[in-house]
Amino acid sequence: MLVLSRKKDEKIVIGDSIKLMVIEIRGDKVRLGIEAPRDVSVHREEVYDAIRRESTSEQQS
């Protein structure tokens, strides 16, 4: 895992088409802005896990 430090309004670039920007830091929460092509799915991990579980259960039916 790569660990980076960023300040508010600083960005991280992933590949040629994905940018993450620190929008706000409040206490122990960080708000991120994500710029990505429409064909790239972006989800919070818990939402992604729920989608995978649902997809797996549908395939088993």
C-alpha atoms as a PDB file:
ATOM      1  CA  MET A   1       0.000   0.000   0.000  1.00  0.00           C
ATOM      2  CA  LEU A   2       1.279   3.436  -0.923  1.00  0.00           C
ATOM      3  CA  VAL A   3       0.659   6.021   1.812  1.00  0.00           C
ATOM      4  CA  LEU A   4       0.726   9.702   0.863  1.00  0.00           C
ATOM      5  CA  SER A   5       0.205  12.901   2.822  1.00  0.00           C
ATOM      6  CA  ARG A   6      -1.849  15.671   1.219  1.00  0.00           C
ATOM      7  CA  LYS A   7      -3.179  19.000   2.433  1.00  0.00           C
ATOM      8  CA  LYS A   8      -6.513  20.603   1.585  1.00  0.00           C
ATOM      9  CA  ASP A   9      -6.860  21.339  -2.141  1.00  0.00           C
ATOM     10  CA  GLU A  10      -3.925  19.082  -3.057  1.00  0.00           C
ATOM     11  CA  LYS A  11      -4.435  16.258  -5.560  1.00  0.00           C
ATOM     12  CA  ILE A  12      -3.247  12.735  -6.229  1.00  0.00           C
ATOM     13  CA  VAL A  13      -3.214  11.479  -9.821  1.00  0.00           C
ATOM     14  CA  ILE A  14      -3.824   7.803 -10.629  1.00  0.00           C
ATOM     15  CA  GLY A  15      -2.904   6.799 -14.149  1.00  0.00           C
ATOM     16  CA  ASP A  16      -3.792   9.315 -16.836  1.00  0.00           C
ATOM     17  CA  SER A  17      -7.454   9.811 -16.023  1.00  0.00           C
ATOM     18  CA  ILE A  18      -8.196   9.662 -12.279  1.00  0.00           C
ATOM     19  CA  LYS A  19      -7.639  12.523  -9.842  1.00  0.00           C
ATOM     20  CA  LEU A  20      -8.339  12.580  -6.097  1.00  0.00           C
ATOM     21  CA  MET A  21      -8.503  15.920  -4.315  1.00  0.00           C
ATOM     22  CA  VAL A  22      -8.679  16.621  -0.597  1.00  0.00           C
ATOM     23  CA  ILE A  23     -11.734  18.885  -0.330  1.00  0.00           C
ATOM     24  CA  GLU A  24     -12.030  19.249   3.442  1.00  0.00           C
ATOM     25  CA  ILE A  25     -10.451  17.958   6.634  1.00  0.00           C
ATOM     26  CA  ARG A  26     -12.675  18.110   9.707  1.00  0.00           C
ATOM     27  CA  GLY A  27     -11.568  16.267  12.829  1.00  0.00           C
ATOM     28  CA  ASP A  28     -11.064  12.619  11.903  1.00  0.00           C
ATOM     29  CA  LYS A  29     -12.964  12.895   8.604  1.00  0.00           C
ATOM     30  CA  VAL A  30     -11.578  13.742   5.190  1.00  0.00           C
ATOM     31  CA  ARG A  31     -13.785  14.695   2.236  1.00  0.00           C
ATOM     32  CA  LEU A  32     -12.395  13.681  -1.136  1.00  0.00           C
ATOM     33  CA  GLY A  33     -13.331  14.790  -4.619  1.00  0.00           C
ATOM     34  CA  ILE A  34     -12.836  12.210  -7.359  1.00  0.00           C
ATOM     35  CA  GLU A  35     -12.526  12.925 -11.070  1.00  0.00           C
ATOM     36  CA  ALA A  36     -12.742   9.751 -13.153  1.00  0.00           C
ATOM     37  CA  PRO A  37     -14.069   8.722 -16.555  1.00  0.00           C
ATOM     38  CA  ARG A  38     -17.712   7.632 -16.590  1.00  0.00           C
ATOM     39  CA  ASP A  39     -16.726   4.050 -17.343  1.00  0.00           C
ATOM     40  CA  VAL A  40     -14.784   3.797 -14.035  1.00  0.00           C
ATOM     41  CA  SER A  41     -16.927   2.773 -11.060  1.00  0.00           C
ATOM     42  CA  VAL A  42     -16.222   4.652  -7.830  1.00  0.00           C
ATOM     43  CA  HIS A  43     -17.802   3.369  -4.594  1.00  0.00           C
ATOM     44  CA  ARG A  44     -17.187   3.506  -0.873  1.00  0.00           C
ATOM     45  CA  GLU A  45     -15.799   0.135   0.210  1.00  0.00           C
ATOM     46  CA  GLU A  46     -18.934  -0.893   2.142  1.00  0.00           C
ATOM     47  CA  VAL A  47     -21.126  -0.132  -0.889  1.00  0.00           C
ATOM     48  CA  TYR A  48     -18.770  -2.054  -3.176  1.00  0.00           C
ATOM     49  CA  ASP A  49     -18.842  -5.049  -0.817  1.00  0.00           C
ATOM     50  CA  ALA A  50     -22.663  -4.988  -0.740  1.00  0.00           C
ATOM     51  CA  ILE A  51     -22.798  -4.894  -4.551  1.00  0.00           C
ATOM     52  CA  ARG A  52     -20.421  -7.872  -4.742  1.00  0.00           C
ATOM     53  CA  ARG A  53     -22.457  -9.859  -2.183  1.00  0.00           C
ATOM     54  CA  GLU A  54     -25.670  -9.148  -4.082  1.00  0.00           C
ATOM     55  CA  SER A  55     -24.066 -10.098  -7.373  1.00  0.00           C
ATOM     56  CA  THR A  56     -22.731 -13.348  -5.894  1.00  0.00           C
ATOM     57  CA  SER A  57     -26.093 -14.284  -4.393  1.00  0.00           C
ATOM     58  CA  GLU A  58     -27.868 -13.621  -7.721  1.00  0.00           C
ATOM     59  CA  GLN A  59     -25.402 -15.857  -9.572  1.00  0.00           C
ATOM     60  CA  GLN A  60     -26.028 -18.694  -7.120  1.00  0.00           C
ATOM     61  CA  SER A  61     -29.828 -18.504  -7.592  1.00  0.00           C
END
